[in-house]
Amino acid sequence: MRILSIAPALAASAITTSLIAVPVLAADYPVLRGSQIEETPVLMDRFSWTGFYFGGLAGTSRTEFQTGENGLQPQFQALRRGLQISQGVDILGTVRFNNRSDSGMSYGGFAGYNVAFGDAIIGLEADYNRHDHQYASAPINLAAGAGTVSLLGTQTLEDYGSLRVRFGYAIGRLMPYASLGFAVGRGTSTVSFLPDAATGLSPAFARSKNTYTSGFTGGLGVDAAVTDNLILRAEYVYTRFADLEGTVVDINNVRVGAGVKF
């Protein structure tokens, strides 16, 4: 009879113990919400942006050639003096070339090094851009002796490079940034004369000169670390060259790139 009297007490104790254990065991399992386990987005993972990197770029750009009053004047005056000395023919009239623009594809490469200060990123980057945008004037008719000549002016910005400081902010594997730096460009300037028969001059002649210019550049962009070593990029860059043989050159470049980080 004593055994039967203590059985209910033992049963109650067992039930109480099991109820206490349930929350303890439940704490060992992940919490399900909406039938899925909550996870941190991959791009929000911590990532070290410090280190060396390099890659390639491709994009589209628009170039404005602002010739002003001095655009191509050095080439025109040199060709004019050459005709006076060699053939005794003077080209009469004043010349002012009109502003022109060109657009198309561009491509190049970049390399740099980043240093992280917490989430703030400072980097130094060099890049190269193949451009081949060209200015071509409309024909200008000038008097030359008993006839006339048609004057043509062309300028080509073949390529340019820049050295920029980048200021970024890390948001996991994303890094938006702004950049500012110095640029150097290389081009060709040409002035051509197309005389009519009455001038007695050669059918066509020109004077060309390889030119170099410098300016500044700046832009905005974002880098995304897809893996620990692969970085994708999208950016807008503005570059201005103050004097390409008397011509101011403005470049608006939108481009994408991919690089390898070490």
Protein backbone atom coordinates (compact mmCIF):
# COMPACT_ATOMS: atom_id res chain seq x y z
CA MET A 1 0.00 0.00 0.00
CA ARG A 2 2.90 2.38 0.72
CA ILE A 3 4.26 1.70 -2.76
CA LEU A 4 0.95 2.68 -4.33
CA SER A 5 0.84 5.88 -2.25
CA ILE A 6 4.18 7.21 -3.45
CA ALA A 7 3.63 6.39 -7.16
CA PRO A 8 1.66 9.58 -7.88
CA ALA A 9 4.43 11.67 -6.32
CA LEU A 10 7.09 10.04 -8.52
CA ALA A 11 5.01 10.59 -11.65
CA ALA A 12 4.48 14.26 -10.84
CA SER A 13 8.21 14.70 -10.28
CA ALA A 14 9.04 13.11 -13.67
CA ILE A 15 6.58 15.36 -15.54
CA THR A 16 7.96 18.48 -13.86
CA THR A 17 11.53 17.52 -14.75
CA SER A 18 10.63 16.96 -18.43
CA LEU A 19 8.86 20.32 -18.66
CA ILE A 20 11.92 22.10 -17.25
CA ALA A 21 14.22 20.30 -19.71
CA VAL A 22 12.25 21.29 -22.84
CA PRO A 23 13.34 24.96 -22.92
CA VAL A 24 16.94 23.94 -22.21
CA LEU A 25 16.99 21.58 -25.18
CA ALA A 26 15.15 24.05 -27.38
CA ALA A 27 17.88 26.62 -26.81
CA ASP A 28 20.33 24.32 -28.59
CA TYR A 29 18.44 24.57 -31.91
CA PRO A 30 18.34 27.52 -34.41
CA VAL A 31 15.27 29.74 -34.41
CA LEU A 32 13.09 29.26 -37.49
CA ARG A 33 11.23 32.22 -38.94
CA GLY A 34 9.08 31.81 -41.98
CA SER A 35 10.35 28.21 -42.32
CA GLN A 36 13.91 29.53 -42.97
CA ILE A 37 16.96 30.01 -40.77
CA GLU A 38 18.00 33.67 -40.58
CA GLU A 39 21.40 34.33 -42.23
CA THR A 40 23.58 37.42 -42.74
CA PRO A 41 23.65 38.55 -46.44
CA VAL A 42 26.92 37.61 -48.13
CA LEU A 43 27.75 41.21 -49.13
CA MET A 44 27.41 42.26 -45.49
CA ASP A 45 30.16 39.87 -44.38
CA ARG A 46 33.29 41.37 -42.89
CA PHE A 47 36.01 41.80 -45.51
CA SER A 48 39.55 43.15 -45.39
CA TRP A 49 40.02 45.85 -48.05
CA THR A 50 43.68 46.40 -47.16
CA GLY A 51 46.09 45.21 -49.84
CA PHE A 52 47.31 45.46 -53.43
CA TYR A 53 44.99 44.98 -56.43
CA PHE A 54 44.94 45.36 -60.23
CA GLY A 55 42.46 44.85 -63.07
CA GLY A 56 40.94 45.99 -66.35
CA LEU A 57 38.36 48.63 -67.36
CA ALA A 58 35.95 49.19 -70.24
CA GLY A 59 33.29 51.82 -70.77
CA THR A 60 31.84 54.60 -72.85
CA SER A 61 32.89 58.24 -72.77
CA ARG A 62 32.08 61.61 -74.29
CA THR A 63 34.81 64.16 -75.04
CA GLU A 64 34.24 67.89 -75.51
CA PHE A 65 36.92 69.84 -77.44
CA GLN A 66 36.67 73.57 -76.62
CA THR A 67 39.02 75.21 -79.10
CA GLY A 68 38.43 78.88 -78.16
CA GLU A 69 40.52 81.57 -79.87
CA ASN A 70 43.85 79.76 -79.54
CA GLY A 71 42.81 76.28 -80.60
CA LEU A 72 45.23 74.87 -83.21
CA GLN A 73 46.74 78.32 -83.72
CA PRO A 74 50.36 77.13 -83.18
CA GLN A 75 49.96 74.61 -86.02
CA PHE A 76 48.22 77.07 -88.32
CA GLN A 77 50.82 79.82 -87.83
CA ALA A 78 53.73 77.40 -88.31
CA LEU A 79 52.27 76.12 -91.58
CA ARG A 80 51.54 79.65 -92.76
CA ARG A 81 55.13 80.80 -92.08
CA GLY A 82 56.46 77.74 -93.86
CA LEU A 83 54.51 78.64 -97.02
CA GLN A 84 55.72 82.23 -96.90
CA ILE A 85 59.35 81.14 -96.69
CA SER A 86 59.34 78.18 -99.07
CA GLN A 87 56.88 79.33 -101.77
CA GLY A 88 56.32 83.04 -101.17
CA VAL A 89 52.58 82.53 -100.69
CA ASP A 90 50.73 84.27 -97.88
CA ILE A 91 47.55 82.81 -96.41
CA LEU A 92 45.22 85.71 -95.66
CA GLY A 93 42.44 85.75 -93.08
CA THR A 94 41.86 84.91 -89.44
CA VAL A 95 40.94 81.47 -88.17
CA ARG A 96 38.84 80.30 -85.29
CA PHE A 97 37.83 76.66 -85.05
CA ASN A 98 34.43 75.77 -83.60
CA ASN A 99 33.93 73.55 -80.56
CA ARG A 100 33.29 69.90 -81.29
CA SER A 101 32.58 66.67 -79.40
CA ASP A 102 33.18 62.96 -79.90
CA SER A 103 32.04 59.84 -78.08
CA GLY A 104 32.76 56.12 -78.13
CA MET A 105 34.27 53.20 -76.29
CA SER A 106 37.32 53.36 -74.05
CA TYR A 107 39.31 50.69 -72.26
CA GLY A 108 42.33 50.37 -70.00
CA GLY A 109 43.67 49.04 -66.74
CA PHE A 110 44.22 50.02 -63.12
CA ALA A 111 46.40 49.09 -60.13
CA GLY A 112 46.47 50.36 -56.56
CA TYR A 113 46.81 49.77 -52.85
CA ASN A 114 44.22 50.26 -50.09
CA VAL A 115 44.67 50.77 -46.34
CA ALA A 116 41.75 50.31 -43.93
CA PHE A 117 41.26 52.41 -40.79
CA GLY A 118 38.28 50.63 -39.32
CA ASP A 119 35.56 51.05 -41.96
CA ALA A 120 37.29 54.04 -43.57
CA ILE A 121 39.43 53.17 -46.62
CA ILE A 122 42.19 55.30 -48.17
CA GLY A 123 43.93 54.14 -51.33
CA LEU A 124 46.29 55.26 -54.09
CA GLU A 125 45.46 54.13 -57.63
CA ALA A 126 47.01 54.55 -61.09
CA ASP A 127 45.07 53.90 -64.30
CA TYR A 128 45.56 53.95 -68.07
CA ASN A 129 42.83 54.71 -70.64
CA ARG A 130 42.93 54.16 -74.39
CA HIS A 131 40.68 56.78 -75.90
CA ASP A 132 41.13 57.76 -79.58
CA HIS A 133 38.54 60.54 -79.56
CA GLN A 134 38.94 63.14 -82.28
CA TYR A 135 38.10 66.74 -83.08
CA ALA A 136 37.64 67.59 -86.78
CA SER A 137 36.80 71.12 -87.91
CA ALA A 138 34.56 72.12 -90.76
CA PRO A 139 36.48 73.42 -93.81
CA ILE A 140 37.51 77.09 -93.65
CA ASN A 141 38.16 78.87 -96.96
CA LEU A 142 41.08 81.35 -96.98
CA ALA A 143 42.65 83.48 -99.69
CA ALA A 144 46.06 82.32 -100.99
CA GLY A 145 47.55 84.39 -103.83
CA ALA A 146 45.24 84.17 -106.83
CA GLY A 147 43.22 81.27 -105.38
CA THR A 148 41.85 79.88 -102.16
CA VAL A 149 42.72 77.07 -99.80
CA SER A 150 40.45 75.02 -97.57
CA LEU A 151 41.83 74.79 -94.06
CA LEU A 152 41.08 71.72 -91.92
CA GLY A 153 42.04 71.21 -88.30
CA THR A 154 42.02 67.92 -86.38
CA GLN A 155 43.01 66.89 -82.88
CA THR A 156 43.09 63.38 -81.47
CA LEU A 157 43.31 62.48 -77.79
CA GLU A 158 44.88 59.06 -78.11
CA ASP A 159 45.27 57.99 -74.49
CA TYR A 160 45.76 59.28 -70.97
CA GLY A 161 46.67 58.11 -67.50
CA SER A 162 45.96 59.31 -63.99
CA LEU A 163 47.10 58.96 -60.40
CA ARG A 164 44.21 59.24 -57.95
CA VAL A 165 43.65 59.15 -54.21
CA ARG A 166 40.51 57.19 -53.28
CA PHE A 167 38.42 57.76 -50.15
CA GLY A 168 36.06 54.87 -49.42
CA TYR A 169 33.83 53.46 -46.71
CA ALA A 170 33.44 49.72 -46.19
CA ILE A 171 29.94 48.30 -45.88
CA GLY A 172 30.82 44.64 -45.60
CA ARG A 173 31.95 43.56 -49.07
CA LEU A 174 30.78 46.82 -50.68
CA MET A 175 32.95 49.94 -50.78
CA PRO A 176 31.53 53.18 -52.23
CA TYR A 177 34.26 55.75 -52.83
CA ALA A 178 35.21 59.16 -54.21
CA SER A 179 38.47 59.87 -56.02
CA LEU A 180 40.58 62.90 -56.91
CA GLY A 181 43.88 63.13 -58.73
CA PHE A 182 46.21 64.25 -61.53
CA ALA A 183 46.03 63.21 -65.21
CA VAL A 184 48.41 63.31 -68.21
CA GLY A 185 47.19 62.95 -71.80
CA ARG A 186 48.81 62.31 -75.20
CA GLY A 187 47.45 63.44 -78.55
CA THR A 188 48.12 64.60 -82.10
CA SER A 189 47.31 68.01 -83.60
CA THR A 190 47.13 68.54 -87.38
CA VAL A 191 46.39 71.46 -89.68
CA SER A 192 45.84 70.65 -93.38
CA PHE A 193 45.63 72.89 -96.46
CA LEU A 194 43.68 71.82 -99.56
CA PRO A 195 44.48 74.46 -102.25
CA ASP A 196 42.67 74.96 -105.53
CA ALA A 197 44.56 74.99 -108.85
CA ALA A 198 44.80 78.80 -109.00
CA THR A 199 47.17 78.94 -106.02
CA GLY A 200 49.84 76.87 -107.77
CA LEU A 201 50.48 75.05 -104.50
CA SER A 202 50.83 71.33 -103.87
CA PRO A 203 47.55 69.37 -103.99
CA ALA A 204 47.50 68.89 -100.21
CA PHE A 205 49.89 69.44 -97.36
CA ALA A 206 49.70 69.42 -93.58
CA ARG A 207 51.64 69.93 -90.39
CA SER A 208 51.22 67.49 -87.50
CA LYS A 209 52.61 67.50 -83.99
CA ASN A 210 52.50 65.05 -81.12
CA THR A 211 51.26 66.87 -78.05
CA TYR A 212 51.09 66.24 -74.31
CA THR A 213 48.87 67.88 -71.75
CA SER A 214 48.06 67.66 -68.05
CA GLY A 215 44.97 68.21 -65.94
CA PHE A 216 42.90 66.89 -63.06
CA THR A 217 40.45 64.03 -62.61
CA GLY A 218 37.84 62.96 -60.08
CA GLY A 219 34.89 60.64 -59.76
CA LEU A 220 32.53 58.40 -57.81
CA GLY A 221 32.25 54.63 -57.80
CA VAL A 222 31.67 51.43 -55.88
CA ASP A 223 33.75 48.25 -55.54
CA ALA A 224 32.17 44.90 -54.67
CA ALA A 225 34.23 41.96 -53.37
CA VAL A 226 32.49 38.96 -54.94
CA THR A 227 35.08 36.61 -53.42
CA ASP A 228 38.14 37.19 -51.25
CA ASN A 229 40.19 37.81 -54.42
CA LEU A 230 37.72 38.99 -57.11
CA ILE A 231 36.51 42.61 -57.14
CA LEU A 232 33.94 44.13 -59.51
CA ARG A 233 33.68 47.88 -60.08
CA ALA A 234 31.36 50.53 -61.53
CA GLU A 235 32.34 54.21 -61.64
CA TYR A 236 31.94 57.62 -63.22
CA VAL A 237 35.11 59.67 -63.85
CA TYR A 238 35.47 63.27 -65.05
CA THR A 239 38.80 64.43 -66.51
CA ARG A 240 39.77 67.90 -67.72
CA PHE A 241 42.88 68.84 -69.70
CA ALA A 242 43.55 72.57 -69.71
CA ASP A 243 45.64 72.94 -72.88
CA LEU A 244 45.96 70.50 -75.77
CA GLU A 245 47.59 72.83 -78.33
CA GLY A 246 45.25 75.64 -77.31
CA THR A 247 42.22 73.39 -76.79
CA VAL A 248 40.48 72.55 -73.50
CA VAL A 249 39.38 68.90 -73.35
CA ASP A 250 36.61 67.61 -71.03
CA ILE A 251 36.01 63.86 -70.70
CA ASN A 252 32.99 62.21 -69.08
CA ASN A 253 33.64 58.49 -68.68
CA VAL A 254 31.27 55.78 -67.37
CA ARG A 255 32.98 52.42 -67.01
CA VAL A 256 32.97 49.02 -65.34
CA GLY A 257 35.89 46.83 -64.35
CA ALA A 258 37.07 43.66 -62.68
CA GLY A 259 40.20 43.14 -60.62
CA VAL A 260 42.19 40.75 -58.47
CA LYS A 261 43.05 41.58 -54.87
CA PHE A 262 45.96 40.12 -52.89
